[in-house]
Amino acid sequence: MEICDYADTSAPVHYCYEIGNMDATRLNGDHGTKGETSMRCLVTGGAGFIGSHLTDRLIAEGHDVAVIDNLSTGVRSQVHEKARFHQTDIRDRTAMDRVFAEEKPEAMFHLAAQMDVRRSVADPGYDADVNLIGLLNLLEAGRRNGLQFTVFASSGGAIYGEQDVFPAPEGHEKRPCSPYGVSKYAGELYLNYYHIEYQLGYAAMRFANIYGPRQNPHGEAGVVAIFAVKLLRGETPTIYGEGRQTRDFVFVLDAVDSMVRAMKTRKTGAYNIGSGVETDINTIAAHLIQAAGFSGQAAHAAAKPGEQMRSCLDAGKAKRELGWSPSRDVDAGLRETMEWFRTRKY
């Protein structure tokens, strides 16, 4: 169900601890490594970009993992061979009851989502069906089958909208300007209701722009994946507008680390997960052009109407309460990402 996947179906490398200069100790921090108490975990969207990396990490730490994905965009071969796989849709209430009764997860990582902002505007009913009804099906099945804690993939940029403060803290005014942003914030409110009514703990991870290996370069994909593939094909990437619009970029394994820490800490609430650094699209293009060895420059086209100009998140709360901070800057992360795409065929 997760939108961000890649199209290559060859057997992937499960490399949470093998990619680039990844330091397993740095990723695990003070929250333990393989050998501590195993938990029963369920990952929705576990065949996708972020979910497959998360599944790798959980299994590397010795946890018992089951995955839900309808493979509408996910890639079956990305799912770790030690994870039990359920090909089904979170909108199917009967199927969710069956999976939860069978797996009895203690912790759920909910990444399955409708993530296309433009589609949410064109069809808000579909967006709500996946992002809200799907969530409610999971929470209802979970509360009846021993679920204790949910880590929810939310969105900082989509929830805050145009910011008044840079970087934005969790208390920033919520101004979602798309049905997708509305559904993510409503999901957080539902999680809070289930916490109050049924004592189900949750951490809502308000992610910045996540990029890295396994990201889908097609469709509603991240700019890093789109540019990387174009450059490796010898094609000129296109920047919409002047390229001065900024985003907060976070490497996928750092995002995964934040979710695992949230599960282990079990503190209920919302957490911004970002670098706190604004990087404009011109800078992203320049880094990738250099990493690809491309001789040209990016082209520019008319700006997209309504595009958010600046976005940056204050992750101080995550550092204080979860012990989390990003392990690599944008330059290092982009180099690793480009090297991964270089090994793939598109």
C-alpha atoms as a PDB file:
ATOM      1  CA  MET A   1       0.000   0.000   0.000  1.00  0.00           C
ATOM      2  CA  GLU A   2       2.909   2.350   0.508  1.00  0.00           C
ATOM      3  CA  ILE A   3       3.387   4.618  -2.501  1.00  0.00           C
ATOM      4  CA  CYS A   4       7.182   4.950  -2.448  1.00  0.00           C
ATOM      5  CA  ASP A   5       8.742   1.793  -3.876  1.00  0.00           C
ATOM      6  CA  TYR A   6      11.044   1.005  -6.778  1.00  0.00           C
ATOM      7  CA  ALA A   7      10.282  -0.921  -9.927  1.00  0.00           C
ATOM      8  CA  ASP A   8      13.217  -3.342 -10.012  1.00  0.00           C
ATOM      9  CA  THR A   9      12.057  -6.828  -8.961  1.00  0.00           C
ATOM     10  CA  SER A  10      15.437  -8.501  -8.620  1.00  0.00           C
ATOM     11  CA  ALA A  11      16.335  -9.812  -5.188  1.00  0.00           C
ATOM     12  CA  PRO A  12      17.187  -6.804  -3.007  1.00  0.00           C
ATOM     13  CA  VAL A  13      20.062  -6.522  -0.582  1.00  0.00           C
ATOM     14  CA  HIS A  14      18.848  -6.390   3.020  1.00  0.00           C
ATOM     15  CA  TYR A  15      21.479  -3.987   4.211  1.00  0.00           C
ATOM     16  CA  CYS A  16      20.423  -1.935   7.193  1.00  0.00           C
ATOM     17  CA  TYR A  17      23.938  -2.507   8.547  1.00  0.00           C
ATOM     18  CA  GLU A  18      25.812  -2.982   5.272  1.00  0.00           C
ATOM     19  CA  ILE A  19      25.145   0.090   3.146  1.00  0.00           C
ATOM     20  CA  GLY A  20      27.986   2.545   2.669  1.00  0.00           C
ATOM     21  CA  ASN A  21      29.667   3.491   5.928  1.00  0.00           C
ATOM     22  CA  MET A  22      26.690   2.544   8.090  1.00  0.00           C
ATOM     23  CA  ASP A  23      27.666   2.112  11.725  1.00  0.00           C
ATOM     24  CA  ALA A  24      25.387  -0.406  13.436  1.00  0.00           C
ATOM     25  CA  THR A  25      26.300   0.937  16.871  1.00  0.00           C
ATOM     26  CA  ARG A  26      25.409   4.479  15.780  1.00  0.00           C
ATOM     27  CA  LEU A  27      22.057   3.313  14.466  1.00  0.00           C
ATOM     28  CA  ASN A  28      21.162   1.363  17.580  1.00  0.00           C
ATOM     29  CA  GLY A  29      22.400   4.007  19.994  1.00  0.00           C
ATOM     30  CA  ASP A  30      21.520   3.164  23.594  1.00  0.00           C
ATOM     31  CA  HIS A  31      18.351   1.294  22.671  1.00  0.00           C
ATOM     32  CA  GLY A  32      19.864  -2.142  22.337  1.00  0.00           C
ATOM     33  CA  THR A  33      20.877  -4.574  19.641  1.00  0.00           C
ATOM     34  CA  LYS A  34      20.046  -8.118  18.717  1.00  0.00           C
ATOM     35  CA  GLY A  35      19.646 -10.244  21.799  1.00  0.00           C
ATOM     36  CA  GLU A  36      17.355  -8.024  23.857  1.00  0.00           C
ATOM     37  CA  THR A  37      13.731  -9.050  24.445  1.00  0.00           C
ATOM     38  CA  SER A  38      12.070  -9.908  21.163  1.00  0.00           C
ATOM     39  CA  MET A  39       8.755  -8.260  20.327  1.00  0.00           C
ATOM     40  CA  ARG A  40       5.989  -9.329  17.960  1.00  0.00           C
ATOM     41  CA  CYS A  41       5.858  -6.552  15.369  1.00  0.00           C
ATOM     42  CA  LEU A  42       3.524  -5.848  12.460  1.00  0.00           C
ATOM     43  CA  VAL A  43       4.655  -3.570   9.622  1.00  0.00           C
ATOM     44  CA  THR A  44       1.985  -2.274   7.255  1.00  0.00           C
ATOM     45  CA  GLY A  45       3.351  -1.198   3.889  1.00  0.00           C
ATOM     46  CA  GLY A  46       6.304  -3.460   4.597  1.00  0.00           C
ATOM     47  CA  ALA A  47       7.054  -4.156   0.923  1.00  0.00           C
ATOM     48  CA  GLY A  48       7.599  -0.446   0.262  1.00  0.00           C
ATOM     49  CA  PHE A  49      10.518   1.953   0.353  1.00  0.00           C
ATOM     50  CA  ILE A  50      10.584   2.743   4.078  1.00  0.00           C
ATOM     51  CA  GLY A  51       8.716  -0.326   5.322  1.00  0.00           C
ATOM     52  CA  SER A  52      11.154  -2.820   3.808  1.00  0.00           C
ATOM     53  CA  HIS A  53      14.123  -1.073   5.428  1.00  0.00           C
ATOM     54  CA  LEU A  54      12.256  -1.057   8.739  1.00  0.00           C
ATOM     55  CA  THR A  55      11.522  -4.780   8.457  1.00  0.00           C
ATOM     56  CA  ASP A  56      15.216  -5.457   7.812  1.00  0.00           C
ATOM     57  CA  ARG A  57      16.172  -3.491  10.925  1.00  0.00           C
ATOM     58  CA  LEU A  58      13.633  -5.206  13.177  1.00  0.00           C
ATOM     59  CA  ILE A  59      14.688  -8.675  12.040  1.00  0.00           C
ATOM     60  CA  ALA A  60      18.370  -7.773  12.455  1.00  0.00           C
ATOM     61  CA  GLU A  61      17.577  -6.940  16.080  1.00  0.00           C
ATOM     62  CA  GLY A  62      15.871 -10.281  16.614  1.00  0.00           C
ATOM     63  CA  HIS A  63      12.229  -9.209  16.613  1.00  0.00           C
ATOM     64  CA  ASP A  64       9.394 -11.368  15.280  1.00  0.00           C
ATOM     65  CA  VAL A  65       7.986  -9.554  12.228  1.00  0.00           C
ATOM     66  CA  ALA A  66       4.886  -9.868  10.065  1.00  0.00           C
ATOM     67  CA  VAL A  67       4.206  -7.646   7.057  1.00  0.00           C
ATOM     68  CA  ILE A  68       0.969  -6.434   5.462  1.00  0.00           C
ATOM     69  CA  ASP A  69       1.085  -5.049   1.926  1.00  0.00           C
ATOM     70  CA  ASN A  70      -1.374  -5.214  -0.961  1.00  0.00           C
ATOM     71  CA  LEU A  71       1.486  -4.834  -3.477  1.00  0.00           C
ATOM     72  CA  SER A  72      -0.310  -2.053  -5.311  1.00  0.00           C
ATOM     73  CA  THR A  73       3.057  -0.319  -5.287  1.00  0.00           C
ATOM     74  CA  GLY A  74       5.146  -2.499  -2.979  1.00  0.00           C
ATOM     75  CA  VAL A  75       7.674  -5.044  -4.232  1.00  0.00           C
ATOM     76  CA  ARG A  76       7.367  -8.570  -2.840  1.00  0.00           C
ATOM     77  CA  SER A  77      11.087  -9.299  -3.227  1.00  0.00           C
ATOM     78  CA  GLN A  78      11.925  -6.396  -0.918  1.00  0.00           C
ATOM     79  CA  VAL A  79      10.321  -8.182   2.035  1.00  0.00           C
ATOM     80  CA  HIS A  80      12.853  -9.938   4.222  1.00  0.00           C
ATOM     81  CA  GLU A  81      12.680 -13.722   3.896  1.00  0.00           C
ATOM     82  CA  LYS A  82      12.282 -14.106   7.673  1.00  0.00           C
ATOM     83  CA  ALA A  83       9.165 -11.918   7.793  1.00  0.00           C
ATOM     84  CA  ARG A  84       5.727 -13.516   7.462  1.00  0.00           C
ATOM     85  CA  PHE A  85       3.927 -11.858   4.579  1.00  0.00           C
ATOM     86  CA  HIS A  86       0.202 -11.117   4.266  1.00  0.00           C
ATOM     87  CA  GLN A  87      -0.854  -9.804   0.848  1.00  0.00           C
ATOM     88  CA  THR A  88      -4.016  -7.972   1.755  1.00  0.00           C
ATOM     89  CA  ASP A  89      -5.514  -4.492   1.980  1.00  0.00           C
ATOM     90  CA  ILE A  90      -5.888  -2.483   5.188  1.00  0.00           C
ATOM     91  CA  ARG A  91      -9.324  -1.361   3.964  1.00  0.00           C
ATOM     92  CA  ASP A  92     -10.541  -4.972   4.309  1.00  0.00           C
ATOM     93  CA  ARG A  93     -11.843  -5.133   7.877  1.00  0.00           C
ATOM     94  CA  THR A  94     -12.339  -8.906   7.866  1.00  0.00           C
ATOM     95  CA  ALA A  95      -8.800  -9.468   6.635  1.00  0.00           C
ATOM     96  CA  MET A  96      -7.377  -7.167   9.316  1.00  0.00           C
ATOM     97  CA  ASP A  97      -9.293  -9.054  12.018  1.00  0.00           C
ATOM     98  CA  ARG A  98      -7.854 -12.307  10.693  1.00  0.00           C
ATOM     99  CA  VAL A  99      -4.260 -11.052  10.536  1.00  0.00           C
ATOM    100  CA  PHE A 100      -4.338  -9.585  14.033  1.00  0.00           C
ATOM    101  CA  ALA A 101      -5.955 -12.699  15.495  1.00  0.00           C
ATOM    102  CA  GLU A 102      -3.216 -14.805  13.874  1.00  0.00           C
ATOM    103  CA  GLU A 103      -0.195 -12.582  14.566  1.00  0.00           C
ATOM    104  CA  LYS A 104      -1.128 -10.974  17.917  1.00  0.00           C
ATOM    105  CA  PRO A 105       1.340  -8.087  17.428  1.00  0.00           C
ATOM    106  CA  GLU A 106       2.509  -6.131  20.451  1.00  0.00           C
ATOM    107  CA  ALA A 107       3.760  -3.248  18.293  1.00  0.00           C
ATOM    108  CA  MET A 108       2.462  -1.981  14.955  1.00  0.00           C
ATOM    109  CA  PHE A 109       4.375   0.227  12.525  1.00  0.00           C
ATOM    110  CA  HIS A 110       1.788   1.796  10.237  1.00  0.00           C
ATOM    111  CA  LEU A 111       3.306   2.945   6.947  1.00  0.00           C
ATOM    112  CA  ALA A 112       0.669   1.775   4.445  1.00  0.00           C
ATOM    113  CA  ALA A 113      -0.892   4.915   3.005  1.00  0.00           C
ATOM    114  CA  GLN A 114      -2.232   6.871   0.070  1.00  0.00           C
ATOM    115  CA  MET A 115       0.664   9.336  -0.253  1.00  0.00           C
ATOM    116  CA  ASP A 116      -0.029  11.126  -3.533  1.00  0.00           C
ATOM    117  CA  VAL A 117      -0.985  14.710  -2.691  1.00  0.00           C
ATOM    118  CA  ARG A 118      -2.367  15.360  -6.174  1.00  0.00           C
ATOM    119  CA  ARG A 119      -4.532  12.241  -6.045  1.00  0.00           C
ATOM    120  CA  SER A 120      -5.849  13.275  -2.630  1.00  0.00           C
ATOM    121  CA  VAL A 121      -7.029  16.560  -4.175  1.00  0.00           C
ATOM    122  CA  ALA A 122      -8.616  14.792  -7.151  1.00  0.00           C
ATOM    123  CA  ASP A 123     -10.235  12.048  -5.058  1.00  0.00           C
ATOM    124  CA  PRO A 124     -10.407  12.950  -1.343  1.00  0.00           C
ATOM    125  CA  GLY A 125     -12.785  10.074  -0.704  1.00  0.00           C
ATOM    126  CA  TYR A 126     -10.194   7.521  -1.779  1.00  0.00           C
ATOM    127  CA  ASP A 127      -7.555   9.258   0.331  1.00  0.00           C
ATOM    128  CA  ALA A 128      -9.797   9.075   3.403  1.00  0.00           C
ATOM    129  CA  ASP A 129     -10.749   5.467   2.680  1.00  0.00           C
ATOM    130  CA  VAL A 130      -7.119   4.343   2.763  1.00  0.00           C
ATOM    131  CA  ASN A 131      -5.651   6.718   5.322  1.00  0.00           C
ATOM    132  CA  LEU A 132      -8.536   6.887   7.798  1.00  0.00           C
ATOM    133  CA  ILE A 133     -10.790   3.860   7.335  1.00  0.00           C
ATOM    134  CA  GLY A 134      -7.691   1.701   6.876  1.00  0.00           C
ATOM    135  CA  LEU A 135      -6.210   3.077  10.105  1.00  0.00           C
ATOM    136  CA  LEU A 136      -9.455   2.501  11.999  1.00  0.00           C
ATOM    137  CA  ASN A 137      -9.614  -1.108  10.788  1.00  0.00           C
ATOM    138  CA  LEU A 138      -6.109  -1.651  12.148  1.00  0.00           C
ATOM    139  CA  LEU A 139      -6.788   0.016  15.491  1.00  0.00           C
ATOM    140  CA  GLU A 140     -10.065  -1.847  16.017  1.00  0.00           C
ATOM    141  CA  ALA A 141      -8.435  -5.196  15.225  1.00  0.00           C
ATOM    142  CA  GLY A 142      -5.448  -4.251  17.346  1.00  0.00           C
ATOM    143  CA  ARG A 143      -7.329  -3.283  20.485  1.00  0.00           C
ATOM    144  CA  ARG A 144      -9.153  -6.632  20.429  1.00  0.00           C
ATOM    145  CA  ASN A 145      -5.948  -8.641  19.995  1.00  0.00           C
ATOM    146  CA  GLY A 146      -3.441  -7.281  22.484  1.00  0.00           C
ATOM    147  CA  LEU A 147      -1.825  -4.422  20.524  1.00  0.00           C
ATOM    148  CA  GLN A 148       0.132  -2.202  22.905  1.00  0.00           C
ATOM    149  CA  PHE A 149       1.839   0.475  20.819  1.00  0.00           C
ATOM    150  CA  THR A 150       1.581   2.016  17.343  1.00  0.00           C
ATOM    151  CA  VAL A 151       4.293   3.907  15.480  1.00  0.00           C
ATOM    152  CA  PHE A 152       2.505   5.978  12.849  1.00  0.00           C
ATOM    153  CA  ALA A 153       4.123   7.470   9.744  1.00  0.00           C
ATOM    154  CA  SER A 154       2.755  11.017   9.696  1.00  0.00           C
ATOM    155  CA  SER A 155       3.977  14.087   7.792  1.00  0.00           C
ATOM    156  CA  GLY A 156       5.502  17.301   9.061  1.00  0.00           C
ATOM    157  CA  GLY A 157       5.354  19.338   5.867  1.00  0.00           C
ATOM    158  CA  ALA A 158       1.797  18.287   4.947  1.00  0.00           C
ATOM    159  CA  ILE A 159       0.424  18.963   8.431  1.00  0.00           C
ATOM    160  CA  TYR A 160       2.073  22.324   9.153  1.00  0.00           C
ATOM    161  CA  GLY A 161       1.636  23.799   5.664  1.00  0.00           C
ATOM    162  CA  GLU A 162       3.331  27.177   5.122  1.00  0.00           C
ATOM    163  CA  GLN A 163       5.356  27.722   8.282  1.00  0.00           C
ATOM    164  CA  ASP A 164       5.611  30.764  10.540  1.00  0.00           C
ATOM    165  CA  VAL A 165       8.746  29.477  12.292  1.00  0.00           C
ATOM    166  CA  PHE A 166      11.847  27.742  10.881  1.00  0.00           C
ATOM    167  CA  PRO A 167      12.430  25.054  11.871  1.00  0.00           C
ATOM    168  CA  ALA A 168       8.869  24.236  12.981  1.00  0.00           C
ATOM    169  CA  PRO A 169       8.327  22.601  16.407  1.00  0.00           C
ATOM    170  CA  GLU A 170       5.557  20.105  17.109  1.00  0.00           C
ATOM    171  CA  GLY A 171       3.406  22.885  18.579  1.00  0.00           C
ATOM    172  CA  HIS A 172       3.342  24.835  15.310  1.00  0.00           C
ATOM    173  CA  GLU A 173      -0.140  25.681  14.034  1.00  0.00           C
ATOM    174  CA  LYS A 174      -1.566  22.939  11.818  1.00  0.00           C
ATOM    175  CA  ARG A 175      -2.520  24.205   8.347  1.00  0.00           C
ATOM    176  CA  PRO A 176      -2.848  21.170   6.065  1.00  0.00           C
ATOM    177  CA  CYS A 177      -3.556  22.387   2.542  1.00  0.00           C
ATOM    178  CA  SER A 178      -4.459  19.039   0.950  1.00  0.00           C
ATOM    179  CA  PRO A 179      -6.781  16.147   1.830  1.00  0.00           C
ATOM    180  CA  TYR A 180      -3.616  14.085   2.337  1.00  0.00           C
ATOM    181  CA  GLY A 181      -2.390  16.467   5.051  1.00  0.00           C
ATOM    182  CA  VAL A 182      -5.861  16.511   6.606  1.00  0.00           C
ATOM    183  CA  SER A 183      -6.007  12.707   6.703  1.00  0.00           C
ATOM    184  CA  LYS A 184      -2.569  12.443   8.316  1.00  0.00           C
ATOM    185  CA  TYR A 185      -3.486  14.915  11.049  1.00  0.00           C
ATOM    186  CA  ALA A 186      -6.872  13.254  11.541  1.00  0.00           C
ATOM    187  CA  GLY A 187      -5.004   9.950  11.901  1.00  0.00           C
ATOM    188  CA  GLU A 188      -3.029  11.445  14.777  1.00  0.00           C
ATOM    189  CA  LEU A 189      -6.269  12.576  16.423  1.00  0.00           C
ATOM    190  CA  TYR A 190      -7.726   9.069  16.103  1.00  0.00           C
ATOM    191  CA  LEU A 191      -4.590   7.606  17.663  1.00  0.00           C
ATOM    192  CA  ASN A 192      -4.970  10.004  20.575  1.00  0.00           C
ATOM    193  CA  TYR A 193      -8.602   8.936  20.992  1.00  0.00           C
ATOM    194  CA  TYR A 194      -7.606   5.262  21.127  1.00  0.00           C
ATOM    195  CA  HIS A 195      -4.914   6.155  23.654  1.00  0.00           C
ATOM    196  CA  ILE A 196      -7.454   7.864  25.909  1.00  0.00           C
ATOM    197  CA  GLU A 197     -10.245   5.318  25.459  1.00  0.00           C
ATOM    198  CA  TYR A 198      -8.292   2.043  25.208  1.00  0.00           C
ATOM    199  CA  GLN A 199      -4.830   2.925  26.583  1.00  0.00           C
ATOM    200  CA  LEU A 200      -3.135   2.151  23.252  1.00  0.00           C
ATOM    201  CA  GLY A 201       0.163   4.007  23.171  1.00  0.00           C
ATOM    202  CA  TYR A 202       1.378   5.684  19.989  1.00  0.00           C
ATOM    203  CA  ALA A 203       4.141   7.763  18.478  1.00  0.00           C
ATOM    204  CA  ALA A 204       3.224   9.899  15.467  1.00  0.00           C
ATOM    205  CA  MET A 205       6.396  10.423  13.459  1.00  0.00           C
ATOM    206  CA  ARG A 206       6.063  13.678  11.526  1.00  0.00           C
ATOM    207  CA  PHE A 207       8.590  12.948   8.835  1.00  0.00           C
ATOM    208  CA  ALA A 208      10.384  15.470   6.677  1.00  0.00           C
ATOM    209  CA  ASN A 209      11.313  14.453   3.099  1.00  0.00           C
ATOM    210  CA  ILE A 210      12.707  10.927   3.260  1.00  0.00           C
ATOM    211  CA  TYR A 211      15.068   9.755   0.531  1.00  0.00           C
ATOM    212  CA  GLY A 212      17.475   6.902  -0.067  1.00  0.00           C
ATOM    213  CA  PRO A 213      17.919   3.445  -1.590  1.00  0.00           C
ATOM    214  CA  ARG A 214      14.760   1.643  -2.784  1.00  0.00           C
ATOM    215  CA  GLN A 215      12.827   4.876  -3.355  1.00  0.00           C
ATOM    216  CA  ASN A 216      10.608   4.764  -6.411  1.00  0.00           C
ATOM    217  CA  PRO A 217      11.799   7.035  -9.236  1.00  0.00           C
ATOM    218  CA  HIS A 218       8.442   6.786 -11.004  1.00  0.00           C
ATOM    219  CA  GLY A 219       5.066   8.432 -10.490  1.00  0.00           C
ATOM    220  CA  GLU A 220       4.622  10.568  -7.355  1.00  0.00           C
ATOM    221  CA  ALA A 221       8.204   9.991  -6.257  1.00  0.00           C
ATOM    222  CA  GLY A 222      10.731  12.026  -4.319  1.00  0.00           C
ATOM    223  CA  VAL A 223      12.912  14.509  -6.182  1.00  0.00           C
ATOM    224  CA  VAL A 224      16.102  12.663  -5.208  1.00  0.00           C
ATOM    225  CA  ALA A 225      15.028   9.391  -6.834  1.00  0.00           C
ATOM    226  CA  ILE A 226      13.711  11.133  -9.950  1.00  0.00           C
ATOM    227  CA  PHE A 227      16.883  13.166 -10.447  1.00  0.00           C
ATOM    228  CA  ALA A 228      19.201  10.228  -9.702  1.00  0.00           C
ATOM    229  CA  VAL A 229      17.688   7.990 -12.360  1.00  0.00           C
ATOM    230  CA  LYS A 230      17.558  10.745 -14.984  1.00  0.00           C
ATOM    231  CA  LEU A 231      21.191  11.646 -14.417  1.00  0.00           C
ATOM    232  CA  LEU A 232      22.375   8.051 -14.599  1.00  0.00           C
ATOM    233  CA  ARG A 233      20.535   7.735 -17.923  1.00  0.00           C
ATOM    234  CA  GLY A 234      22.357  10.804 -19.176  1.00  0.00           C
ATOM    235  CA  GLU A 235      19.140  12.838 -19.156  1.00  0.00           C
ATOM    236  CA  THR A 236      18.795  16.408 -17.921  1.00  0.00           C
ATOM    237  CA  PRO A 237      16.754  16.763 -14.717  1.00  0.00           C
ATOM    238  CA  THR A 238      14.063  19.454 -14.610  1.00  0.00           C
ATOM    239  CA  ILE A 239      13.574  21.811 -11.678  1.00  0.00           C
ATOM    240  CA  TYR A 240      10.155  23.455 -11.475  1.00  0.00           C
ATOM    241  CA  GLY A 241      10.476  27.139 -10.685  1.00  0.00           C
ATOM    242  CA  GLU A 242      13.720  28.824  -9.687  1.00  0.00           C
ATOM    243  CA  GLY A 243      14.766  25.926  -7.468  1.00  0.00           C
ATOM    244  CA  ARG A 244      14.889  28.050  -4.334  1.00  0.00           C
ATOM    245  CA  GLN A 245      12.102  26.128  -2.649  1.00  0.00           C
ATOM    246  CA  THR A 246      13.514  24.348   0.391  1.00  0.00           C
ATOM    247  CA  ARG A 247      12.868  21.018   2.060  1.00  0.00           C
ATOM    248  CA  ASP A 248      14.234  19.150   5.058  1.00  0.00           C
ATOM    249  CA  PHE A 249      15.821  15.895   3.820  1.00  0.00           C
ATOM    250  CA  VAL A 250      16.263  12.782   5.974  1.00  0.00           C
ATOM    251  CA  PHE A 251      18.026   9.577   4.931  1.00  0.00           C
ATOM    252  CA  VAL A 252      15.765   6.512   5.039  1.00  0.00           C
ATOM    253  CA  LEU A 253      17.836   4.552   7.567  1.00  0.00           C
ATOM    254  CA  ASP A 254      17.730   7.522   9.944  1.00  0.00           C
ATOM    255  CA  ALA A 255      13.938   7.587   9.612  1.00  0.00           C
ATOM    256  CA  VAL A 256      13.879   3.859  10.394  1.00  0.00           C
ATOM    257  CA  ASP A 257      16.074   4.432  13.433  1.00  0.00           C
ATOM    258  CA  SER A 258      13.598   6.986  14.800  1.00  0.00           C
ATOM    259  CA  MET A 259      10.722   4.515  14.511  1.00  0.00           C
ATOM    260  CA  VAL A 260      12.599   1.715  16.261  1.00  0.00           C
ATOM    261  CA  ARG A 261      13.589   4.088  19.068  1.00  0.00           C
ATOM    262  CA  ALA A 262       9.970   5.206  19.416  1.00  0.00           C
ATOM    263  CA  MET A 263       8.854   1.580  19.777  1.00  0.00           C
ATOM    264  CA  LYS A 264      11.425   0.911  22.484  1.00  0.00           C
ATOM    265  CA  THR A 265      10.893   4.150  24.382  1.00  0.00           C
ATOM    266  CA  ARG A 266       7.077   3.901  24.184  1.00  0.00           C
ATOM    267  CA  LYS A 267       6.418   7.546  24.885  1.00  0.00           C
ATOM    268  CA  THR A 268       3.070   8.657  23.520  1.00  0.00           C
ATOM    269  CA  GLY A 269       2.959  11.793  21.391  1.00  0.00           C
ATOM    270  CA  ALA A 270       4.093  13.403  18.150  1.00  0.00           C
ATOM    271  CA  TYR A 271       7.709  13.731  17.034  1.00  0.00           C
ATOM    272  CA  ASN A 272       9.219  15.750  14.217  1.00  0.00           C
ATOM    273  CA  ILE A 273      11.818  13.710  12.344  1.00  0.00           C
ATOM    274  CA  GLY A 274      14.009  16.002  10.305  1.00  0.00           C
ATOM    275  CA  SER A 275      17.473  17.481  10.109  1.00  0.00           C
ATOM    276  CA  GLY A 276      16.492  21.028  11.032  1.00  0.00           C
ATOM    277  CA  VAL A 277      18.346  22.180   7.917  1.00  0.00           C
ATOM    278  CA  GLU A 278      16.719  23.734   4.844  1.00  0.00           C
ATOM    279  CA  THR A 279      18.172  22.542   1.538  1.00  0.00           C
ATOM    280  CA  ASP A 280      16.935  24.036  -1.711  1.00  0.00           C
ATOM    281  CA  ILE A 281      16.297  21.994  -4.841  1.00  0.00           C
ATOM    282  CA  ASN A 282      19.142  23.664  -6.726  1.00  0.00           C
ATOM    283  CA  THR A 283      21.561  22.333  -4.101  1.00  0.00           C
ATOM    284  CA  ILE A 284      20.079  18.825  -4.315  1.00  0.00           C
ATOM    285  CA  ALA A 285      20.501  18.869  -8.089  1.00  0.00           C
ATOM    286  CA  ALA A 286      24.096  20.106  -7.829  1.00  0.00           C
ATOM    287  CA  HIS A 287      25.053  17.338  -5.365  1.00  0.00           C
ATOM    288  CA  LEU A 288      23.496  14.647  -7.550  1.00  0.00           C
ATOM    289  CA  ILE A 289      25.000  16.013 -10.772  1.00  0.00           C
ATOM    290  CA  GLN A 290      28.432  15.838  -9.150  1.00  0.00           C
ATOM    291  CA  ALA A 291      27.835  12.339  -7.750  1.00  0.00           C
ATOM    292  CA  ALA A 292      26.631  11.086 -11.133  1.00  0.00           C
ATOM    293  CA  GLY A 293      29.502  12.637 -13.067  1.00  0.00           C
ATOM    294  CA  PHE A 294      27.000  14.423 -15.303  1.00  0.00           C
ATOM    295  CA  SER A 295      28.520  17.144 -17.492  1.00  0.00           C
ATOM    296  CA  GLY A 296      25.439  19.340 -17.890  1.00  0.00           C
ATOM    297  CA  GLN A 297      23.210  21.421 -15.653  1.00  0.00           C
ATOM    298  CA  ALA A 298      19.604  21.071 -14.543  1.00  0.00           C
ATOM    299  CA  ALA A 299      16.892  22.641 -16.706  1.00  0.00           C
ATOM    300  CA  HIS A 300      14.144  24.850 -15.292  1.00  0.00           C
ATOM    301  CA  ALA A 301      10.420  24.855 -16.069  1.00  0.00           C
ATOM    302  CA  ALA A 302       7.424  26.827 -14.833  1.00  0.00           C
ATOM    303  CA  ALA A 303       6.730  26.484 -11.132  1.00  0.00           C
ATOM    304  CA  LYS A 304       3.903  24.187 -10.045  1.00  0.00           C
ATOM    305  CA  PRO A 305       0.900  26.142  -8.725  1.00  0.00           C
ATOM    306  CA  GLY A 306       0.508  26.043  -4.950  1.00  0.00           C
ATOM    307  CA  GLU A 307       3.870  24.436  -4.236  1.00  0.00           C
ATOM    308  CA  GLN A 308       5.054  24.998  -0.665  1.00  0.00           C
ATOM    309  CA  MET A 309       8.138  27.255  -0.704  1.00  0.00           C
ATOM    310  CA  ARG A 310       9.838  26.362   2.574  1.00  0.00           C
ATOM    311  CA  SER A 311       9.701  23.406   4.946  1.00  0.00           C
ATOM    312  CA  CYS A 312      11.984  22.528   7.853  1.00  0.00           C
ATOM    313  CA  LEU A 313      11.367  20.609  11.085  1.00  0.00           C
ATOM    314  CA  ASP A 314      12.719  21.034  14.607  1.00  0.00           C
ATOM    315  CA  ALA A 315      13.546  17.519  15.867  1.00  0.00           C
ATOM    316  CA  GLY A 316      14.698  18.632  19.320  1.00  0.00           C
ATOM    317  CA  LYS A 317      11.952  16.661  21.060  1.00  0.00           C
ATOM    318  CA  ALA A 318      13.024  13.435  19.318  1.00  0.00           C
ATOM    319  CA  LYS A 319      16.596  14.041  20.453  1.00  0.00           C
ATOM    320  CA  ARG A 320      15.559  14.687  24.055  1.00  0.00           C
ATOM    321  CA  GLU A 321      13.011  11.892  24.444  1.00  0.00           C
ATOM    322  CA  LEU A 322      14.131   9.249  21.946  1.00  0.00           C
ATOM    323  CA  GLY A 323      17.864   9.947  21.798  1.00  0.00           C
ATOM    324  CA  TRP A 324      17.513  10.342  18.024  1.00  0.00           C
ATOM    325  CA  SER A 325      19.436  12.534  15.637  1.00  0.00           C
ATOM    326  CA  PRO A 326      20.316  12.025  11.953  1.00  0.00           C
ATOM    327  CA  SER A 327      23.531  10.077  11.328  1.00  0.00           C
ATOM    328  CA  ARG A 328      24.464  11.684   8.001  1.00  0.00           C
ATOM    329  CA  ASP A 329      24.142  15.027   6.275  1.00  0.00           C
ATOM    330  CA  VAL A 330      22.556  15.518   2.867  1.00  0.00           C
ATOM    331  CA  ASP A 331      25.847  15.326   0.969  1.00  0.00           C
ATOM    332  CA  ALA A 332      26.763  11.921   2.434  1.00  0.00           C
ATOM    333  CA  GLY A 333      23.239  10.586   2.064  1.00  0.00           C
ATOM    334  CA  LEU A 334      22.970  11.640  -1.565  1.00  0.00           C
ATOM    335  CA  ARG A 335      26.286   9.986  -2.414  1.00  0.00           C
ATOM    336  CA  GLU A 336      25.120   6.693  -0.878  1.00  0.00           C
ATOM    337  CA  THR A 337      21.791   6.960  -2.649  1.00  0.00           C
ATOM    338  CA  MET A 338      23.390   7.625  -6.015  1.00  0.00           C
ATOM    339  CA  GLU A 339      25.713   4.636  -5.600  1.00  0.00           C
ATOM    340  CA  TRP A 340      22.706   2.417  -4.932  1.00  0.00           C
ATOM    341  CA  PHE A 341      20.823   3.641  -7.999  1.00  0.00           C
ATOM    342  CA  ARG A 342      23.971   3.093 -10.046  1.00  0.00           C
ATOM    343  CA  THR A 343      23.602  -0.679  -9.395  1.00  0.00           C
ATOM    344  CA  ARG A 344      19.988  -0.750 -10.644  1.00  0.00           C
ATOM    345  CA  LYS A 345      18.484  -0.832 -14.129  1.00  0.00           C
ATOM    346  CA  TYR A 346      15.580   1.457 -15.029  1.00  0.00           C
END
